[in-house]
Amino acid sequence: DLSGDVSQMEGIPSLAFPPDYATNGRFFIIHKDASDFSH
């Protein structure tokens, strides 16, 4: 839940799991905040 951190217009447009997610549990997202910065 990143509802307090993201631009409500764009939300979380993308999510990616690396091939080794099963062993390392890492994942990645892109979002834009309310101040128009992308992360």
ModelCIF file with pLDDT and N, C-alpha, C, O atoms, coordinates in Angstrom:
data_MODEL
#
_entry.id   MODEL 
#
_entity.id                         1 
_entity.type                       polymer 
_entity.pdbx_number_of_molecules   1 
#
_entity_poly.entity_id                      1 
_entity_poly.type                           'polypeptide(L)' 
_entity_poly.nstd_linkage                   no 
_entity_poly.nstd_monomer                   no 
_entity_poly.pdbx_seq_one_letter_code       DLSGDVSQMEGIPSLAFPPDYATNGRFFIIHKDASDFSH 
_entity_poly.pdbx_seq_one_letter_code_can   DLSGDVSQMEGIPSLAFPPDYATNGRFFIIHKDASDFSH 
_entity_poly.pdbx_strand_id                 A 
#
loop_
_entity_poly_seq.entity_id 
_entity_poly_seq.num 
_entity_poly_seq.mon_id 
_entity_poly_seq.hetero 
1 1  ASP n 
1 2  LEU n 
1 3  SER n 
1 4  GLY n 
1 5  ASP n 
1 6  VAL n 
1 7  SER n 
1 8  GLN n 
1 9  MET n 
1 10 GLU n 
1 11 GLY n 
1 12 ILE n 
1 13 PRO n 
1 14 SER n 
1 15 LEU n 
1 16 ALA n 
1 17 PHE n 
1 18 PRO n 
1 19 PRO n 
1 20 ASP n 
1 21 TYR n 
1 22 ALA n 
1 23 THR n 
1 24 ASN n 
1 25 GLY n 
1 26 ARG n 
1 27 PHE n 
1 28 PHE n 
1 29 ILE n 
1 30 ILE n 
1 31 HIS n 
1 32 LYS n 
1 33 ASP n 
1 34 ALA n 
1 35 SER n 
1 36 ASP n 
1 37 PHE n 
1 38 SER n 
1 39 HIS n 
#
_struct_asym.id          A 
_struct_asym.entity_id   1 
#
loop_
_ma_qa_metric.id 
_ma_qa_metric.mode 
_ma_qa_metric.name 
_ma_qa_metric.software_group_id 
_ma_qa_metric.type 
1 global pLDDT . pLDDT 
2 local  pLDDT . pLDDT 
#
_ma_qa_metric_global.metric_id      1 
_ma_qa_metric_global.metric_value   88.21 
_ma_qa_metric_global.model_id       1 
_ma_qa_metric_global.ordinal_id     1 
#
loop_
_ma_qa_metric_local.label_asym_id 
_ma_qa_metric_local.label_comp_id 
_ma_qa_metric_local.label_seq_id 
_ma_qa_metric_local.metric_id 
_ma_qa_metric_local.metric_value 
_ma_qa_metric_local.model_id 
_ma_qa_metric_local.ordinal_id 
A ASP 1  2 96.00 1 1  
A LEU 2  2 93.00 1 2  
A SER 3  2 91.00 1 3  
A GLY 4  2 88.00 1 4  
A ASP 5  2 87.00 1 5  
A VAL 6  2 85.00 1 6  
A SER 7  2 78.00 1 7  
A GLN 8  2 68.00 1 8  
A MET 9  2 73.00 1 9  
A GLU 10 2 76.00 1 10 
A GLY 11 2 81.00 1 11 
A ILE 12 2 86.00 1 12 
A PRO 13 2 87.00 1 13 
A SER 14 2 90.00 1 14 
A LEU 15 2 95.00 1 15 
A ALA 16 2 96.00 1 16 
A PHE 17 2 96.00 1 17 
A PRO 18 2 96.00 1 18 
A PRO 19 2 94.00 1 19 
A ASP 20 2 93.00 1 20 
A TYR 21 2 95.00 1 21 
A ALA 22 2 92.00 1 22 
A THR 23 2 93.00 1 23 
A ASN 24 2 94.00 1 24 
A GLY 25 2 96.00 1 25 
A ARG 26 2 96.00 1 26 
A PHE 27 2 97.00 1 27 
A PHE 28 2 96.00 1 28 
A ILE 29 2 94.00 1 29 
A ILE 30 2 90.00 1 30 
A HIS 31 2 86.00 1 31 
A LYS 32 2 83.00 1 32 
A ASP 33 2 83.00 1 33 
A ALA 34 2 81.00 1 34 
A SER 35 2 82.00 1 35 
A ASP 36 2 79.00 1 36 
A PHE 37 2 82.00 1 37 
A SER 38 2 84.00 1 38 
A HIS 39 2 88.00 1 39 
#
loop_
_atom_site.group_PDB 
_atom_site.id 
_atom_site.type_symbol 
_atom_site.label_atom_id 
_atom_site.label_alt_id 
_atom_site.label_comp_id 
_atom_site.label_asym_id 
_atom_site.label_entity_id 
_atom_site.label_seq_id 
_atom_site.pdbx_PDB_ins_code 
_atom_site.Cartn_x 
_atom_site.Cartn_y 
_atom_site.Cartn_z 
_atom_site.occupancy 
_atom_site.B_iso_or_equiv 
_atom_site.pdbx_formal_charge 
_atom_site.auth_seq_id 
_atom_site.auth_comp_id 
_atom_site.auth_asym_id 
_atom_site.auth_atom_id 
_atom_site.pdbx_PDB_model_num 
ATOM 1   N N  . ASP A 1 1  ? 0.849  -1.191  0.000   1.00 96.00 ? 1  ASP A N  1 
ATOM 2   C CA . ASP A 1 1  ? 0.000  0.000   0.000   1.00 96.00 ? 1  ASP A CA 1 
ATOM 3   C C  . ASP A 1 1  ? 0.882  1.237   0.000   1.00 96.00 ? 1  ASP A C  1 
ATOM 4   O O  . ASP A 1 1  ? 1.505  1.569   1.008   1.00 96.00 ? 1  ASP A O  1 
ATOM 5   N N  . LEU A 1 2  ? 0.928  1.915   -1.140  1.00 93.00 ? 2  LEU A N  1 
ATOM 6   C CA . LEU A 1 2  ? 1.667  3.171   -1.260  1.00 93.00 ? 2  LEU A CA 1 
ATOM 7   C C  . LEU A 1 2  ? 0.708  4.323   -1.539  1.00 93.00 ? 2  LEU A C  1 
ATOM 8   O O  . LEU A 1 2  ? 1.103  5.341   -2.107  1.00 93.00 ? 2  LEU A O  1 
ATOM 9   N N  . SER A 1 3  ? -0.539 4.162   -1.142  1.00 91.00 ? 3  SER A N  1 
ATOM 10  C CA . SER A 1 3  ? -1.570 5.150   -1.466  1.00 91.00 ? 3  SER A CA 1 
ATOM 11  C C  . SER A 1 3  ? -1.238 6.547   -0.959  1.00 91.00 ? 3  SER A C  1 
ATOM 12  O O  . SER A 1 3  ? -1.673 7.531   -1.558  1.00 91.00 ? 3  SER A O  1 
ATOM 13  N N  . GLY A 1 4  ? -0.491 6.659   0.114   1.00 88.00 ? 4  GLY A N  1 
ATOM 14  C CA . GLY A 1 4  ? -0.123 7.966   0.633   1.00 88.00 ? 4  GLY A CA 1 
ATOM 15  C C  . GLY A 1 4  ? 1.093  8.576   -0.033  1.00 88.00 ? 4  GLY A C  1 
ATOM 16  O O  . GLY A 1 4  ? 1.428  9.731   0.230   1.00 88.00 ? 4  GLY A O  1 
ATOM 17  N N  . ASP A 1 5  ? 1.766  7.811   -0.898  1.00 87.00 ? 5  ASP A N  1 
ATOM 18  C CA . ASP A 1 5  ? 3.018  8.267   -1.506  1.00 87.00 ? 5  ASP A CA 1 
ATOM 19  C C  . ASP A 1 5  ? 2.933  8.537   -2.999  1.00 87.00 ? 5  ASP A C  1 
ATOM 20  O O  . ASP A 1 5  ? 3.817  9.187   -3.555  1.00 87.00 ? 5  ASP A O  1 
ATOM 21  N N  . VAL A 1 6  ? 1.897  8.056   -3.653  1.00 85.00 ? 6  VAL A N  1 
ATOM 22  C CA . VAL A 1 6  ? 1.856  8.124   -5.112  1.00 85.00 ? 6  VAL A CA 1 
ATOM 23  C C  . VAL A 1 6  ? 0.852  9.151   -5.606  1.00 85.00 ? 6  VAL A C  1 
ATOM 24  O O  . VAL A 1 6  ? -0.092 9.518   -4.907  1.00 85.00 ? 6  VAL A O  1 
ATOM 25  N N  . SER A 1 7  ? 1.084  9.605   -6.833  1.00 78.00 ? 7  SER A N  1 
ATOM 26  C CA . SER A 1 7  ? 0.123  10.463  -7.520  1.00 78.00 ? 7  SER A CA 1 
ATOM 27  C C  . SER A 1 7  ? -1.128 9.634   -7.768  1.00 78.00 ? 7  SER A C  1 
ATOM 28  O O  . SER A 1 7  ? -1.052 8.552   -8.351  1.00 78.00 ? 7  SER A O  1 
ATOM 29  N N  . GLN A 1 8  ? -2.258 10.126  -7.337  1.00 68.00 ? 8  GLN A N  1 
ATOM 30  C CA . GLN A 1 8  ? -3.502 9.375   -7.521  1.00 68.00 ? 8  GLN A CA 1 
ATOM 31  C C  . GLN A 1 8  ? -3.917 9.325   -8.991  1.00 68.00 ? 8  GLN A C  1 
ATOM 32  O O  . GLN A 1 8  ? -4.795 8.547   -9.363  1.00 68.00 ? 8  GLN A O  1 
ATOM 33  N N  . MET A 1 9  ? -3.291 10.148  -9.821  1.00 73.00 ? 9  MET A N  1 
ATOM 34  C CA . MET A 1 9  ? -3.593 10.107  -11.247 1.00 73.00 ? 9  MET A CA 1 
ATOM 35  C C  . MET A 1 9  ? -2.927 8.898   -11.910 1.00 73.00 ? 9  MET A C  1 
ATOM 36  O O  . MET A 1 9  ? -3.512 8.264   -12.788 1.00 73.00 ? 9  MET A O  1 
ATOM 37  N N  . GLU A 1 10 ? -1.702 8.588   -11.482 1.00 76.00 ? 10 GLU A N  1 
ATOM 38  C CA . GLU A 1 10 ? -0.946 7.526   -12.141 1.00 76.00 ? 10 GLU A CA 1 
ATOM 39  C C  . GLU A 1 10 ? -0.775 6.275   -11.295 1.00 76.00 ? 10 GLU A C  1 
ATOM 40  O O  . GLU A 1 10 ? -0.646 5.179   -11.841 1.00 76.00 ? 10 GLU A O  1 
ATOM 41  N N  . GLY A 1 11 ? -0.771 6.412   -9.979  1.00 81.00 ? 11 GLY A N  1 
ATOM 42  C CA . GLY A 1 11 ? -0.613 5.246   -9.121  1.00 81.00 ? 11 GLY A CA 1 
ATOM 43  C C  . GLY A 1 11 ? 0.693  4.528   -9.358  1.00 81.00 ? 11 GLY A C  1 
ATOM 44  O O  . GLY A 1 11 ? 1.752  5.149   -9.444  1.00 81.00 ? 11 GLY A O  1 
ATOM 45  N N  . ILE A 1 12 ? 0.612  3.210   -9.462  1.00 86.00 ? 12 ILE A N  1 
ATOM 46  C CA . ILE A 1 12 ? 1.785  2.368   -9.721  1.00 86.00 ? 12 ILE A CA 1 
ATOM 47  C C  . ILE A 1 12 ? 1.606  1.765   -11.110 1.00 86.00 ? 12 ILE A C  1 
ATOM 48  O O  . ILE A 1 12 ? 0.911  0.760   -11.259 1.00 86.00 ? 12 ILE A O  1 
ATOM 49  N N  . PRO A 1 13 ? 2.223  2.363   -12.130 1.00 87.00 ? 13 PRO A N  1 
ATOM 50  C CA . PRO A 1 13 ? 2.007  1.845   -13.481 1.00 87.00 ? 13 PRO A CA 1 
ATOM 51  C C  . PRO A 1 13 ? 2.748  0.557   -13.800 1.00 87.00 ? 13 PRO A C  1 
ATOM 52  O O  . PRO A 1 13 ? 2.387  -0.135  -14.752 1.00 87.00 ? 13 PRO A O  1 
ATOM 53  N N  . SER A 1 14 ? 3.783  0.215   -13.023 1.00 90.00 ? 14 SER A N  1 
ATOM 54  C CA . SER A 1 14 ? 4.542  -0.972  -13.394 1.00 90.00 ? 14 SER A CA 1 
ATOM 55  C C  . SER A 1 14 ? 5.191  -1.646  -12.184 1.00 90.00 ? 14 SER A C  1 
ATOM 56  O O  . SER A 1 14 ? 5.614  -0.998  -11.227 1.00 90.00 ? 14 SER A O  1 
ATOM 57  N N  . LEU A 1 15 ? 5.249  -2.950  -12.272 1.00 95.00 ? 15 LEU A N  1 
ATOM 58  C CA . LEU A 1 15 ? 5.809  -3.827  -11.245 1.00 95.00 ? 15 LEU A CA 1 
ATOM 59  C C  . LEU A 1 15 ? 6.596  -4.914  -11.972 1.00 95.00 ? 15 LEU A C  1 
ATOM 60  O O  . LEU A 1 15 ? 6.120  -5.466  -12.965 1.00 95.00 ? 15 LEU A O  1 
ATOM 61  N N  . ALA A 1 16 ? 7.790  -5.223  -11.487 1.00 96.00 ? 16 ALA A N  1 
ATOM 62  C CA . ALA A 1 16 ? 8.593  -6.265  -12.125 1.00 96.00 ? 16 ALA A CA 1 
ATOM 63  C C  . ALA A 1 16 ? 9.264  -7.146  -11.070 1.00 96.00 ? 16 ALA A C  1 
ATOM 64  O O  . ALA A 1 16 ? 9.820  -6.664  -10.083 1.00 96.00 ? 16 ALA A O  1 
ATOM 65  N N  . PHE A 1 17 ? 9.189  -8.443  -11.314 1.00 96.00 ? 17 PHE A N  1 
ATOM 66  C CA . PHE A 1 17 ? 9.849  -9.430  -10.462 1.00 96.00 ? 17 PHE A CA 1 
ATOM 67  C C  . PHE A 1 17 ? 11.068 -9.967  -11.202 1.00 96.00 ? 17 PHE A C  1 
ATOM 68  O O  . PHE A 1 17 ? 10.942 -10.401 -12.347 1.00 96.00 ? 17 PHE A O  1 
ATOM 69  N N  . PRO A 1 18 ? 12.256 -9.950  -10.573 1.00 96.00 ? 18 PRO A N  1 
ATOM 70  C CA . PRO A 1 18 ? 13.424 -10.498 -11.240 1.00 96.00 ? 18 PRO A CA 1 
ATOM 71  C C  . PRO A 1 18 ? 13.325 -12.020 -11.342 1.00 96.00 ? 18 PRO A C  1 
ATOM 72  O O  . PRO A 1 18 ? 12.556 -12.647 -10.614 1.00 96.00 ? 18 PRO A O  1 
ATOM 73  N N  . PRO A 1 19 ? 14.101 -12.604 -12.241 1.00 94.00 ? 19 PRO A N  1 
ATOM 74  C CA . PRO A 1 19 ? 14.062 -14.062 -12.406 1.00 94.00 ? 19 PRO A CA 1 
ATOM 75  C C  . PRO A 1 19 ? 14.357 -14.831 -11.120 1.00 94.00 ? 19 PRO A C  1 
ATOM 76  O O  . PRO A 1 19 ? 13.879 -15.953 -10.953 1.00 94.00 ? 19 PRO A O  1 
ATOM 77  N N  . ASP A 1 20 ? 15.145 -14.240 -10.201 1.00 93.00 ? 20 ASP A N  1 
ATOM 78  C CA . ASP A 1 20 ? 15.511 -14.932 -8.962  1.00 93.00 ? 20 ASP A CA 1 
ATOM 79  C C  . ASP A 1 20 ? 14.652 -14.489 -7.764  1.00 93.00 ? 20 ASP A C  1 
ATOM 80  O O  . ASP A 1 20 ? 15.091 -14.598 -6.619  1.00 93.00 ? 20 ASP A O  1 
ATOM 81  N N  . TYR A 1 21 ? 13.445 -13.997 -8.019  1.00 95.00 ? 21 TYR A N  1 
ATOM 82  C CA . TYR A 1 21 ? 12.556 -13.539 -6.945  1.00 95.00 ? 21 TYR A CA 1 
ATOM 83  C C  . TYR A 1 21 ? 12.318 -14.636 -5.902  1.00 95.00 ? 21 TYR A C  1 
ATOM 84  O O  . TYR A 1 21 ? 12.251 -14.349 -4.707  1.00 95.00 ? 21 TYR A O  1 
ATOM 85  N N  . ALA A 1 22 ? 12.192 -15.861 -6.340  1.00 92.00 ? 22 ALA A N  1 
ATOM 86  C CA . ALA A 1 22 ? 11.905 -16.969 -5.403  1.00 92.00 ? 22 ALA A CA 1 
ATOM 87  C C  . ALA A 1 22 ? 12.994 -17.113 -4.347  1.00 92.00 ? 22 ALA A C  1 
ATOM 88  O O  . ALA A 1 22 ? 12.718 -17.568 -3.237  1.00 92.00 ? 22 ALA A O  1 
ATOM 89  N N  . THR A 1 23 ? 14.227 -16.732 -4.675  1.00 93.00 ? 23 THR A N  1 
ATOM 90  C CA . THR A 1 23 ? 15.316 -16.883 -3.715  1.00 93.00 ? 23 THR A CA 1 
ATOM 91  C C  . THR A 1 23 ? 15.660 -15.589 -2.979  1.00 93.00 ? 23 THR A C  1 
ATOM 92  O O  . THR A 1 23 ? 16.133 -15.638 -1.843  1.00 93.00 ? 23 THR A O  1 
ATOM 93  N N  . ASN A 1 24 ? 15.428 -14.419 -3.611  1.00 94.00 ? 24 ASN A N  1 
ATOM 94  C CA . ASN A 1 24 ? 15.827 -13.180 -2.931  1.00 94.00 ? 24 ASN A CA 1 
ATOM 95  C C  . ASN A 1 24 ? 14.662 -12.302 -2.484  1.00 94.00 ? 24 ASN A C  1 
ATOM 96  O O  . ASN A 1 24 ? 14.869 -11.404 -1.668  1.00 94.00 ? 24 ASN A O  1 
ATOM 97  N N  . GLY A 1 25 ? 13.445 -12.523 -2.985  1.00 96.00 ? 25 GLY A N  1 
ATOM 98  C CA . GLY A 1 25 ? 12.278 -11.780 -2.549  1.00 96.00 ? 25 GLY A CA 1 
ATOM 99  C C  . GLY A 1 25 ? 12.265 -10.311 -2.904  1.00 96.00 ? 25 GLY A C  1 
ATOM 100 O O  . GLY A 1 25 ? 11.461 -9.551  -2.364  1.00 96.00 ? 25 GLY A O  1 
ATOM 101 N N  . ARG A 1 26 ? 13.142 -9.895  -3.806  1.00 96.00 ? 26 ARG A N  1 
ATOM 102 C CA . ARG A 1 26 ? 13.172 -8.493  -4.234  1.00 96.00 ? 26 ARG A CA 1 
ATOM 103 C C  . ARG A 1 26 ? 12.231 -8.280  -5.410  1.00 96.00 ? 26 ARG A C  1 
ATOM 104 O O  . ARG A 1 26 ? 12.047 -9.173  -6.237  1.00 96.00 ? 26 ARG A O  1 
ATOM 105 N N  . PHE A 1 27 ? 11.636 -7.088  -5.480  1.00 97.00 ? 27 PHE A N  1 
ATOM 106 C CA . PHE A 1 27 ? 10.833 -6.710  -6.645  1.00 97.00 ? 27 PHE A CA 1 
ATOM 107 C C  . PHE A 1 27 ? 10.940 -5.203  -6.823  1.00 97.00 ? 27 PHE A C  1 
ATOM 108 O O  . PHE A 1 27 ? 11.419 -4.498  -5.935  1.00 97.00 ? 27 PHE A O  1 
ATOM 109 N N  . PHE A 1 28 ? 10.493 -4.713  -7.972  1.00 96.00 ? 28 PHE A N  1 
ATOM 110 C CA . PHE A 1 28 ? 10.699 -3.322  -8.349  1.00 96.00 ? 28 PHE A CA 1 
ATOM 111 C C  . PHE A 1 28 ? 9.386  -2.705  -8.825  1.00 96.00 ? 28 PHE A C  1 
ATOM 112 O O  . PHE A 1 28 ? 8.557  -3.368  -9.449  1.00 96.00 ? 28 PHE A O  1 
ATOM 113 N N  . ILE A 1 29 ? 9.218  -1.419  -8.515  1.00 94.00 ? 29 ILE A N  1 
ATOM 114 C CA . ILE A 1 29 ? 8.045  -0.689  -8.991  1.00 94.00 ? 29 ILE A CA 1 
ATOM 115 C C  . ILE A 1 29 ? 8.486  0.675   -9.503  1.00 94.00 ? 29 ILE A C  1 
ATOM 116 O O  . ILE A 1 29 ? 9.554  1.179   -9.154  1.00 94.00 ? 29 ILE A O  1 
ATOM 117 N N  . ILE A 1 30 ? 7.630  1.258   -10.342 1.00 90.00 ? 30 ILE A N  1 
ATOM 118 C CA . ILE A 1 30 ? 7.756  2.655   -10.746 1.00 90.00 ? 30 ILE A CA 1 
ATOM 119 C C  . ILE A 1 30 ? 6.516  3.363   -10.245 1.00 90.00 ? 30 ILE A C  1 
ATOM 120 O O  . ILE A 1 30 ? 5.416  2.811   -10.288 1.00 90.00 ? 30 ILE A O  1 
ATOM 121 N N  . HIS A 1 31 ? 6.693  4.588   -9.767  1.00 86.00 ? 31 HIS A N  1 
ATOM 122 C CA . HIS A 1 31 ? 5.531  5.429   -9.467  1.00 86.00 ? 31 HIS A CA 1 
ATOM 123 C C  . HIS A 1 31 ? 5.940  6.890   -9.527  1.00 86.00 ? 31 HIS A C  1 
ATOM 124 O O  . HIS A 1 31 ? 7.122  7.229   -9.459  1.00 86.00 ? 31 HIS A O  1 
ATOM 125 N N  . LYS A 1 32 ? 4.939  7.742   -9.655  1.00 83.00 ? 32 LYS A N  1 
ATOM 126 C CA . LYS A 1 32 ? 5.152  9.193   -9.621  1.00 83.00 ? 32 LYS A CA 1 
ATOM 127 C C  . LYS A 1 32 ? 4.472  9.723   -8.378  1.00 83.00 ? 32 LYS A C  1 
ATOM 128 O O  . LYS A 1 32 ? 3.343  9.339   -8.071  1.00 83.00 ? 32 LYS A O  1 
ATOM 129 N N  . ASP A 1 33 ? 5.160  10.618  -7.650  1.00 83.00 ? 33 ASP A N  1 
ATOM 130 C CA . ASP A 1 33 ? 4.571  11.152  -6.423  1.00 83.00 ? 33 ASP A CA 1 
ATOM 131 C C  . ASP A 1 33 ? 3.732  12.400  -6.730  1.00 83.00 ? 33 ASP A C  1 
ATOM 132 O O  . ASP A 1 33 ? 3.659  12.842  -7.876  1.00 83.00 ? 33 ASP A O  1 
ATOM 133 N N  . ALA A 1 34 ? 3.110  12.952  -5.705  1.00 81.00 ? 34 ALA A N  1 
ATOM 134 C CA . ALA A 1 34 ? 2.222  14.101  -5.867  1.00 81.00 ? 34 ALA A CA 1 
ATOM 135 C C  . ALA A 1 34 ? 2.966  15.358  -6.309  1.00 81.00 ? 34 ALA A C  1 
ATOM 136 O O  . ALA A 1 34 ? 2.345  16.309  -6.782  1.00 81.00 ? 34 ALA A O  1 
ATOM 137 N N  . SER A 1 35 ? 4.287  15.370  -6.161  1.00 82.00 ? 35 SER A N  1 
ATOM 138 C CA . SER A 1 35 ? 5.098  16.519  -6.590  1.00 82.00 ? 35 SER A CA 1 
ATOM 139 C C  . SER A 1 35 ? 5.678  16.327  -7.982  1.00 82.00 ? 35 SER A C  1 
ATOM 140 O O  . SER A 1 35 ? 6.557  17.084  -8.395  1.00 82.00 ? 35 SER A O  1 
ATOM 141 N N  . ASP A 1 36 ? 5.197  15.322  -8.712  1.00 79.00 ? 36 ASP A N  1 
ATOM 142 C CA . ASP A 1 36 ? 5.601  15.027  -10.091 1.00 79.00 ? 36 ASP A CA 1 
ATOM 143 C C  . ASP A 1 36 ? 7.016  14.482  -10.238 1.00 79.00 ? 36 ASP A C  1 
ATOM 144 O O  . ASP A 1 36 ? 7.626  14.617  -11.298 1.00 79.00 ? 36 ASP A O  1 
ATOM 145 N N  . PHE A 1 37 ? 7.544  13.863  -9.178  1.00 82.00 ? 37 PHE A N  1 
ATOM 146 C CA . PHE A 1 37 ? 8.818  13.164  -9.283  1.00 82.00 ? 37 PHE A CA 1 
ATOM 147 C C  . PHE A 1 37 ? 8.545  11.685  -9.543  1.00 82.00 ? 37 PHE A C  1 
ATOM 148 O O  . PHE A 1 37 ? 7.716  11.074  -8.868  1.00 82.00 ? 37 PHE A O  1 
ATOM 149 N N  . SER A 1 38 ? 9.243  11.115  -10.524 1.00 84.00 ? 38 SER A N  1 
ATOM 150 C CA . SER A 1 38 ? 9.143  9.678   -10.773 1.00 84.00 ? 38 SER A CA 1 
ATOM 151 C C  . SER A 1 38 ? 10.182 8.954   -9.927  1.00 84.00 ? 38 SER A C  1 
ATOM 152 O O  . SER A 1 38 ? 11.273 9.464   -9.674  1.00 84.00 ? 38 SER A O  1 
ATOM 153 N N  . HIS A 1 39 ? 9.809  7.739   -9.493  1.00 88.00 ? 39 HIS A N  1 
ATOM 154 C CA . HIS A 1 39 ? 10.674 6.922   -8.640  1.00 88.00 ? 39 HIS A CA 1 
ATOM 155 C C  . HIS A 1 39 ? 10.740 5.502   -9.187  1.00 88.00 ? 39 HIS A C  1 
ATOM 156 O O  . HIS A 1 39 ? 11.419 4.650   -8.614  1.00 88.00 ? 39 HIS A O  1 
#
